[in-house]
Amino acid sequence: MGHTDMRKGMQGLALQVQQGLKRDPHGGDLFVFRGRTGSLIKIIWHDGIGMSLYSKRLEKGRFVWPSAKDGIVSLTNAQLSCLL
């Protein structure tokens, strides 16, 4: 899907998951979004009780982003730990 408009909040990102990825944002998966410059990521996650929004901005450098097939990248726990 490329870069994400990082002005979006929890609801806007959840809607992007539903409409763009055709996935359920309330299913318990982590959905990670990267902005155009690559220095900011946002993560939404629903734990069964409520939605959480996490963000991380790098002061130097940028997040390395793997190539996406059909807009989706699956990460292992180790890969997610490196990303965060």
PDB file of N, CA and C in Angstrom:
ATOM      1  N   MET A   1       0.816  -1.186   0.000  1.00  0.00           N
ATOM      2  CA  MET A   1       0.000   0.000   0.000  1.00  0.00           C
ATOM      3  C   MET A   1       0.859   1.249   0.000  1.00  0.00           C
ATOM      4  N   GLY A   2       2.188   1.123   0.124  1.00  0.00           N
ATOM      5  CA  GLY A   2       3.042   2.298   0.121  1.00  0.00           C
ATOM      6  C   GLY A   2       3.061   2.986   1.463  1.00  0.00           C
ATOM      7  N   HIS A   3       3.202   4.300   1.443  1.00  0.00           N
ATOM      8  CA  HIS A   3       3.250   5.063   2.685  1.00  0.00           C
ATOM      9  C   HIS A   3       1.843   5.388   3.165  1.00  0.00           C
ATOM     10  N   THR A   4       1.779   5.771   4.413  1.00  0.00           N
ATOM     11  CA  THR A   4       0.502   6.085   5.069  1.00  0.00           C
ATOM     12  C   THR A   4       0.490   7.543   5.482  1.00  0.00           C
ATOM     13  N   ASP A   5      -0.655   8.165   5.387  1.00  0.00           N
ATOM     14  CA  ASP A   5      -0.836   9.519   5.902  1.00  0.00           C
ATOM     15  C   ASP A   5      -0.778   9.425   7.426  1.00  0.00           C
ATOM     16  N   MET A   6       0.311   9.882   8.015  1.00  0.00           N
ATOM     17  CA  MET A   6       0.535   9.705   9.444  1.00  0.00           C
ATOM     18  C   MET A   6      -0.261  10.693  10.304  1.00  0.00           C
ATOM     19  N   ARG A   7      -1.095  11.518   9.676  1.00  0.00           N
ATOM     20  CA  ARG A   7      -2.007  12.359  10.453  1.00  0.00           C
ATOM     21  C   ARG A   7      -3.191  11.543  10.946  1.00  0.00           C
ATOM     22  N   LYS A   8      -3.379  10.354  10.377  1.00  0.00           N
ATOM     23  CA  LYS A   8      -4.505   9.508  10.773  1.00  0.00           C
ATOM     24  C   LYS A   8      -4.321   8.994  12.189  1.00  0.00           C
ATOM     25  N   GLY A   9      -5.433   8.897  12.877  1.00  0.00           N
ATOM     26  CA  GLY A   9      -5.445   8.346  14.221  1.00  0.00           C
ATOM     27  C   GLY A   9      -5.934   6.909  14.201  1.00  0.00           C
ATOM     28  N   MET A  10      -6.329   6.458  15.347  1.00  0.00           N
ATOM     29  CA  MET A  10      -6.773   5.076  15.537  1.00  0.00           C
ATOM     30  C   MET A  10      -7.904   4.671  14.582  1.00  0.00           C
ATOM     31  N   GLN A  11      -8.938   5.493  14.506  1.00  0.00           N
ATOM     32  CA  GLN A  11     -10.092   5.150  13.682  1.00  0.00           C
ATOM     33  C   GLN A  11      -9.745   5.172  12.195  1.00  0.00           C
ATOM     34  N   GLY A  12      -8.976   6.165  11.768  1.00  0.00           N
ATOM     35  CA  GLY A  12      -8.588   6.255  10.371  1.00  0.00           C
ATOM     36  C   GLY A  12      -7.712   5.090   9.934  1.00  0.00           C
ATOM     37  N   LEU A  13      -6.801   4.676  10.794  1.00  0.00           N
ATOM     38  CA  LEU A  13      -5.946   3.532  10.471  1.00  0.00           C
ATOM     39  C   LEU A  13      -6.745   2.229  10.476  1.00  0.00           C
ATOM     40  N   ALA A  14      -7.672   2.100  11.428  1.00  0.00           N
ATOM     41  CA  ALA A  14      -8.526   0.898  11.471  1.00  0.00           C
ATOM     42  C   ALA A  14      -9.378   0.813  10.211  1.00  0.00           C
ATOM     43  N   LEU A  15      -9.862   1.944   9.740  1.00  0.00           N
ATOM     44  CA  LEU A  15     -10.648   1.972   8.508  1.00  0.00           C
ATOM     45  C   LEU A  15      -9.784   1.584   7.310  1.00  0.00           C
ATOM     46  N   GLN A  16      -8.530   2.017   7.314  1.00  0.00           N
ATOM     47  CA  GLN A  16      -7.607   1.639   6.241  1.00  0.00           C
ATOM     48  C   GLN A  16      -7.363   0.130   6.241  1.00  0.00           C
ATOM     49  N   VAL A  17      -7.269  -0.464   7.429  1.00  0.00           N
ATOM     50  CA  VAL A  17      -7.112  -1.923   7.535  1.00  0.00           C
ATOM     51  C   VAL A  17      -8.334  -2.616   6.936  1.00  0.00           C
ATOM     52  N   GLN A  18      -9.519  -2.140   7.288  1.00  0.00           N
ATOM     53  CA  GLN A  18     -10.758  -2.750   6.789  1.00  0.00           C
ATOM     54  C   GLN A  18     -10.907  -2.598   5.285  1.00  0.00           C
ATOM     55  N   GLN A  19     -10.741  -1.391   4.791  1.00  0.00           N
ATOM     56  CA  GLN A  19     -11.013  -1.130   3.384  1.00  0.00           C
ATOM     57  C   GLN A  19      -9.839  -1.475   2.476  1.00  0.00           C
ATOM     58  N   GLY A  20      -8.634  -1.135   2.895  1.00  0.00           N
ATOM     59  CA  GLY A  20      -7.465  -1.352   2.048  1.00  0.00           C
ATOM     60  C   GLY A  20      -6.929  -2.766   2.083  1.00  0.00           C
ATOM     61  N   LEU A  21      -6.880  -3.343   3.279  1.00  0.00           N
ATOM     62  CA  LEU A  21      -6.311  -4.687   3.436  1.00  0.00           C
ATOM     63  C   LEU A  21      -7.370  -5.781   3.496  1.00  0.00           C
ATOM     64  N   LYS A  22      -8.632  -5.372   3.653  1.00  0.00           N
ATOM     65  CA  LYS A  22      -9.738  -6.334   3.789  1.00  0.00           C
ATOM     66  C   LYS A  22      -9.506  -7.273   4.972  1.00  0.00           C
ATOM     67  N   ARG A  23      -9.046  -6.680   6.088  1.00  0.00           N
ATOM     68  CA  ARG A  23      -8.786  -7.431   7.314  1.00  0.00           C
ATOM     69  C   ARG A  23      -9.596  -6.829   8.443  1.00  0.00           C
ATOM     70  N   ASP A  24      -9.747  -7.597   9.515  1.00  0.00           N
ATOM     71  CA  ASP A  24     -10.480  -7.145  10.690  1.00  0.00           C
ATOM     72  C   ASP A  24      -9.508  -6.485  11.667  1.00  0.00           C
ATOM     73  N   PRO A  25      -9.603  -5.168  11.882  1.00  0.00           N
ATOM     74  CA  PRO A  25      -8.689  -4.509  12.810  1.00  0.00           C
ATOM     75  C   PRO A  25      -8.926  -4.890  14.266  1.00  0.00           C
ATOM     76  N   HIS A  26     -10.042  -5.588  14.550  1.00  0.00           N
ATOM     77  CA  HIS A  26     -10.349  -6.008  15.920  1.00  0.00           C
ATOM     78  C   HIS A  26      -9.998  -7.468  16.158  1.00  0.00           C
ATOM     79  N   GLY A  27      -9.258  -8.076  15.246  1.00  0.00           N
ATOM     80  CA  GLY A  27      -8.957  -9.504  15.322  1.00  0.00           C
ATOM     81  C   GLY A  27      -7.760  -9.866  16.181  1.00  0.00           C
ATOM     82  N   GLY A  28      -7.048  -8.892  16.723  1.00  0.00           N
ATOM     83  CA  GLY A  28      -5.910  -9.193  17.591  1.00  0.00           C
ATOM     84  C   GLY A  28      -4.558  -9.106  16.909  1.00  0.00           C
ATOM     85  N   ASP A  29      -4.533  -8.865  15.594  1.00  0.00           N
ATOM     86  CA  ASP A  29      -3.259  -8.701  14.890  1.00  0.00           C
ATOM     87  C   ASP A  29      -2.719  -7.295  15.108  1.00  0.00           C
ATOM     88  N   LEU A  30      -1.405  -7.145  15.018  1.00  0.00           N
ATOM     89  CA  LEU A  30      -0.775  -5.828  15.033  1.00  0.00           C
ATOM     90  C   LEU A  30      -0.726  -5.325  13.602  1.00  0.00           C
ATOM     91  N   PHE A  31      -1.104  -4.083  13.387  1.00  0.00           N
ATOM     92  CA  PHE A  31      -1.017  -3.464  12.073  1.00  0.00           C
ATOM     93  C   PHE A  31      -0.064  -2.288  12.185  1.00  0.00           C
ATOM     94  N   VAL A  32       1.024  -2.340  11.416  1.00  0.00           N
ATOM     95  CA  VAL A  32       2.093  -1.349  11.501  1.00  0.00           C
ATOM     96  C   VAL A  32       2.075  -0.500  10.238  1.00  0.00           C
ATOM     97  N   PHE A  33       2.125   0.817  10.411  1.00  0.00           N
ATOM     98  CA  PHE A  33       2.083   1.762   9.311  1.00  0.00           C
ATOM     99  C   PHE A  33       3.315   2.650   9.363  1.00  0.00           C
ATOM    100  N   ARG A  34       3.880   2.928   8.183  1.00  0.00           N
ATOM    101  CA  ARG A  34       5.058   3.786   8.092  1.00  0.00           C
ATOM    102  C   ARG A  34       4.736   4.997   7.235  1.00  0.00           C
ATOM    103  N   GLY A  35       5.225   6.141   7.651  1.00  0.00           N
ATOM    104  CA  GLY A  35       5.015   7.364   6.880  1.00  0.00           C
ATOM    105  C   GLY A  35       5.972   7.472   5.717  1.00  0.00           C
ATOM    106  N   ARG A  36       5.811   8.523   4.933  1.00  0.00           N
ATOM    107  CA  ARG A  36       6.593   8.724   3.713  1.00  0.00           C
ATOM    108  C   ARG A  36       8.098   8.812   3.985  1.00  0.00           C
ATOM    109  N   THR A  37       8.487   9.533   5.036  1.00  0.00           N
ATOM    110  CA  THR A  37       9.913   9.722   5.303  1.00  0.00           C
ATOM    111  C   THR A  37      10.552   8.514   5.971  1.00  0.00           C
ATOM    112  N   GLY A  38       9.754   7.629   6.554  1.00  0.00           N
ATOM    113  CA  GLY A  38      10.281   6.428   7.193  1.00  0.00           C
ATOM    114  C   GLY A  38      10.771   6.620   8.609  1.00  0.00           C
ATOM    115  N   SER A  39      10.621   7.821   9.149  1.00  0.00           N
ATOM    116  CA  SER A  39      11.104   8.052  10.513  1.00  0.00           C
ATOM    117  C   SER A  39      10.032   7.823  11.574  1.00  0.00           C
ATOM    118  N   LEU A  40       8.791   7.595  11.147  1.00  0.00           N
ATOM    119  CA  LEU A  40       7.682   7.405  12.083  1.00  0.00           C
ATOM    120  C   LEU A  40       6.891   6.161  11.708  1.00  0.00           C
ATOM    121  N   ILE A  41       6.571   5.346  12.724  1.00  0.00           N
ATOM    122  CA  ILE A  41       5.643   4.237  12.526  1.00  0.00           C
ATOM    123  C   ILE A  41       4.522   4.372  13.543  1.00  0.00           C
ATOM    124  N   LYS A  42       3.363   3.863  13.163  1.00  0.00           N
ATOM    125  CA  LYS A  42       2.222   3.770  14.083  1.00  0.00           C
ATOM    126  C   LYS A  42       1.723   2.335  14.038  1.00  0.00           C
ATOM    127  N   ILE A  43       1.336   1.844  15.199  1.00  0.00           N
ATOM    128  CA  ILE A  43       0.843   0.471  15.330  1.00  0.00           C
ATOM    129  C   ILE A  43      -0.525   0.529  15.988  1.00  0.00           C
ATOM    130  N   ILE A  44      -1.488  -0.172  15.402  1.00  0.00           N
ATOM    131  CA  ILE A  44      -2.778  -0.327  16.074  1.00  0.00           C
ATOM    132  C   ILE A  44      -2.949  -1.802  16.418  1.00  0.00           C
ATOM    133  N   TRP A  45      -3.601  -2.019  17.558  1.00  0.00           N
ATOM    134  CA  TRP A  45      -3.809  -3.374  18.053  1.00  0.00           C
ATOM    135  C   TRP A  45      -5.054  -3.396  18.920  1.00  0.00           C
ATOM    136  N   HIS A  46      -5.883  -4.378  18.706  1.00  0.00           N
ATOM    137  CA  HIS A  46      -7.079  -4.559  19.535  1.00  0.00           C
ATOM    138  C   HIS A  46      -6.856  -5.793  20.392  1.00  0.00           C
ATOM    139  N   ASP A  47      -6.943  -5.637  21.709  1.00  0.00           N
ATOM    140  CA  ASP A  47      -6.653  -6.731  22.640  1.00  0.00           C
ATOM    141  C   ASP A  47      -7.897  -7.480  23.096  1.00  0.00           C
ATOM    142  N   GLY A  48      -9.040  -7.222  22.450  1.00  0.00           N
ATOM    143  CA  GLY A  48     -10.281  -7.867  22.849  1.00  0.00           C
ATOM    144  C   GLY A  48     -11.124  -6.988  23.750  1.00  0.00           C
ATOM    145  N   ILE A  49     -10.499  -5.975  24.341  1.00  0.00           N
ATOM    146  CA  ILE A  49     -11.206  -5.036  25.211  1.00  0.00           C
ATOM    147  C   ILE A  49     -11.289  -3.662  24.564  1.00  0.00           C
ATOM    148  N   GLY A  50     -10.200  -3.246  23.942  1.00  0.00           N
ATOM    149  CA  GLY A  50     -10.154  -1.931  23.313  1.00  0.00           C
ATOM    150  C   GLY A  50      -8.984  -1.817  22.364  1.00  0.00           C
ATOM    151  N   MET A  51      -9.011  -0.760  21.558  1.00  0.00           N
ATOM    152  CA  MET A  51      -7.975  -0.500  20.568  1.00  0.00           C
ATOM    153  C   MET A  51      -6.867   0.330  21.196  1.00  0.00           C
ATOM    154  N   SER A  52      -5.615  -0.008  20.843  1.00  0.00           N
ATOM    155  CA  SER A  52      -4.453   0.758  21.292  1.00  0.00           C
ATOM    156  C   SER A  52      -3.728   1.304  20.078  1.00  0.00           C
ATOM    157  N   LEU A  53      -3.156   2.482  20.234  1.00  0.00           N
ATOM    158  CA  LEU A  53      -2.359   3.105  19.192  1.00  0.00           C
ATOM    159  C   LEU A  53      -0.988   3.407  19.780  1.00  0.00           C
ATOM    160  N   TYR A  54       0.038   2.881  19.139  1.00  0.00           N
ATOM    161  CA  TYR A  54       1.418   3.112  19.561  1.00  0.00           C
ATOM    162  C   TYR A  54       2.120   3.840  18.429  1.00  0.00           C
ATOM    163  N   SER A  55       3.045   4.709  18.781  1.00  0.00           N
ATOM    164  CA  SER A  55       3.833   5.372  17.744  1.00  0.00           C
ATOM    165  C   SER A  55       5.280   5.451  18.204  1.00  0.00           C
ATOM    166  N   LYS A  56       6.174   5.452  17.213  1.00  0.00           N
ATOM    167  CA  LYS A  56       7.599   5.583  17.496  1.00  0.00           C
ATOM    168  C   LYS A  56       8.215   6.420  16.387  1.00  0.00           C
ATOM    169  N   ARG A  57       8.967   7.447  16.788  1.00  0.00           N
ATOM    170  CA  ARG A  57       9.648   8.316  15.837  1.00  0.00           C
ATOM    171  C   ARG A  57      11.153   8.217  16.086  1.00  0.00           C
ATOM    172  N   LEU A  58      11.903   8.033  15.017  1.00  0.00           N
ATOM    173  CA  LEU A  58      13.354   8.003  15.109  1.00  0.00           C
ATOM    174  C   LEU A  58      13.905   9.408  14.940  1.00  0.00           C
ATOM    175  N   GLU A  59      14.859   9.780  15.792  1.00  0.00           N
ATOM    176  CA  GLU A  59      15.487  11.088  15.650  1.00  0.00           C
ATOM    177  C   GLU A  59      16.512  11.079  14.532  1.00  0.00           C
ATOM    178  N   LYS A  60      17.161   9.931  14.322  1.00  0.00           N
ATOM    179  CA  LYS A  60      18.139   9.782  13.241  1.00  0.00           C
ATOM    180  C   LYS A  60      17.807   8.498  12.494  1.00  0.00           C
ATOM    181  N   GLY A  61      18.003   8.506  11.213  1.00  0.00           N
ATOM    182  CA  GLY A  61      17.775   7.312  10.410  1.00  0.00           C
ATOM    183  C   GLY A  61      16.301   7.130  10.086  1.00  0.00           C
ATOM    184  N   ARG A  62      16.002   5.933   9.580  1.00  0.00           N
ATOM    185  CA  ARG A  62      14.627   5.617   9.229  1.00  0.00           C
ATOM    186  C   ARG A  62      14.397   4.128   9.397  1.00  0.00           C
ATOM    187  N   PHE A  63      13.149   3.761   9.524  1.00  0.00           N
ATOM    188  CA  PHE A  63      12.793   2.363   9.657  1.00  0.00           C
ATOM    189  C   PHE A  63      12.988   1.671   8.317  1.00  0.00           C
ATOM    190  N   VAL A  64      13.673   0.539   8.347  1.00  0.00           N
ATOM    191  CA  VAL A  64      13.840  -0.273   7.150  1.00  0.00           C
ATOM    192  C   VAL A  64      12.529  -1.009   6.938  1.00  0.00           C
ATOM    193  N   TRP A  65      12.001  -0.925   5.741  1.00  0.00           N
ATOM    194  CA  TRP A  65      10.677  -1.478   5.453  1.00  0.00           C
ATOM    195  C   TRP A  65      10.799  -2.564   4.410  1.00  0.00           C
ATOM    196  N   PRO A  66      10.370  -3.783   4.725  1.00  0.00           N
ATOM    197  CA  PRO A  66      10.446  -4.862   3.737  1.00  0.00           C
ATOM    198  C   PRO A  66       9.462  -4.644   2.589  1.00  0.00           C
ATOM    199  N   SER A  67       9.732  -5.291   1.467  1.00  0.00           N
ATOM    200  CA  SER A  67       8.811  -5.209   0.328  1.00  0.00           C
ATOM    201  C   SER A  67       7.507  -5.897   0.686  1.00  0.00           C
ATOM    202  N   ALA A  68       6.419  -5.284   0.285  1.00  0.00           N
ATOM    203  CA  ALA A  68       5.093  -5.815   0.613  1.00  0.00           C
ATOM    204  C   ALA A  68       4.480  -6.486  -0.604  1.00  0.00           C
ATOM    205  N   LYS A  69       3.908  -7.649  -0.392  1.00  0.00           N
ATOM    206  CA  LYS A  69       3.165  -8.330  -1.444  1.00  0.00           C
ATOM    207  C   LYS A  69       1.690  -8.096  -1.148  1.00  0.00           C
ATOM    208  N   ASP A  70       0.985  -7.495  -2.075  1.00  0.00           N
ATOM    209  CA  ASP A  70      -0.437  -7.161  -1.901  1.00  0.00           C
ATOM    210  C   ASP A  70      -0.674  -6.243  -0.701  1.00  0.00           C
ATOM    211  N   GLY A  71       0.339  -5.429  -0.353  1.00  0.00           N
ATOM    212  CA  GLY A  71       0.181  -4.479   0.737  1.00  0.00           C
ATOM    213  C   GLY A  71       0.375  -5.060   2.120  1.00  0.00           C
ATOM    214  N   ILE A  72       0.742  -6.341   2.204  1.00  0.00           N
ATOM    215  CA  ILE A  72       0.853  -7.012   3.504  1.00  0.00           C
ATOM    216  C   ILE A  72       2.244  -7.595   3.684  1.00  0.00           C
ATOM    217  N   VAL A  73       2.819  -7.381   4.863  1.00  0.00           N
ATOM    218  CA  VAL A  73       4.087  -7.982   5.254  1.00  0.00           C
ATOM    219  C   VAL A  73       3.848  -8.704   6.564  1.00  0.00           C
ATOM    220  N   SER A  74       4.196  -9.957   6.630  1.00  0.00           N
ATOM    221  CA  SER A  74       4.084 -10.711   7.882  1.00  0.00           C
ATOM    222  C   SER A  74       5.456 -10.756   8.531  1.00  0.00           C
ATOM    223  N   LEU A  75       5.500 -10.463   9.817  1.00  0.00           N
ATOM    224  CA  LEU A  75       6.764 -10.448  10.567  1.00  0.00           C
ATOM    225  C   LEU A  75       6.743 -11.511  11.650  1.00  0.00           C
ATOM    226  N   THR A  76       7.902 -12.073  11.917  1.00  0.00           N
ATOM    227  CA  THR A  76       8.046 -12.945  13.068  1.00  0.00           C
ATOM    228  C   THR A  76       8.180 -12.082  14.311  1.00  0.00           C
ATOM    229  N   ASN A  77       8.102 -12.690  15.482  1.00  0.00           N
ATOM    230  CA  ASN A  77       8.271 -11.932  16.728  1.00  0.00           C
ATOM    231  C   ASN A  77       9.661 -11.286  16.777  1.00  0.00           C
ATOM    232  N   ALA A  78      10.685 -12.000  16.311  1.00  0.00           N
ATOM    233  CA  ALA A  78      12.042 -11.470  16.323  1.00  0.00           C
ATOM    234  C   ALA A  78      12.154 -10.258  15.389  1.00  0.00           C
ATOM    235  N   GLN A  79      11.548 -10.322  14.212  1.00  0.00           N
ATOM    236  CA  GLN A  79      11.574  -9.201  13.282  1.00  0.00           C
ATOM    237  C   GLN A  79      10.841  -7.995  13.854  1.00  0.00           C
ATOM    238  N   LEU A  80       9.720  -8.219  14.501  1.00  0.00           N
ATOM    239  CA  LEU A  80       8.973  -7.123  15.116  1.00  0.00           C
ATOM    240  C   LEU A  80       9.790  -6.488  16.230  1.00  0.00           C
ATOM    241  N   SER A  81      10.484  -7.290  17.013  1.00  0.00           N
ATOM    242  CA  SER A  81      11.332  -6.760  18.088  1.00  0.00           C
ATOM    243  C   SER A  81      12.440  -5.873  17.530  1.00  0.00           C
ATOM    244  N   CYS A  82      13.042  -6.276  16.405  1.00  0.00           N
ATOM    245  CA  CYS A  82      14.074  -5.460  15.770  1.00  0.00           C
ATOM    246  C   CYS A  82      13.504  -4.152  15.258  1.00  0.00           C
ATOM    247  N   LEU A  83      12.298  -4.194  14.724  1.00  0.00           N
ATOM    248  CA  LEU A  83      11.653  -3.003  14.186  1.00  0.00           C
ATOM    249  C   LEU A  83      11.375  -1.998  15.291  1.00  0.00           C
ATOM    250  N   LEU A  84      10.958  -2.497  16.437  1.00  0.00           N
ATOM    251  CA  LEU A  84      10.614  -1.607  17.540  1.00  0.00           C
ATOM    252  C   LEU A  84      11.792  -1.328  18.424  1.00  0.00           C
TER     253      LEU A  84
END
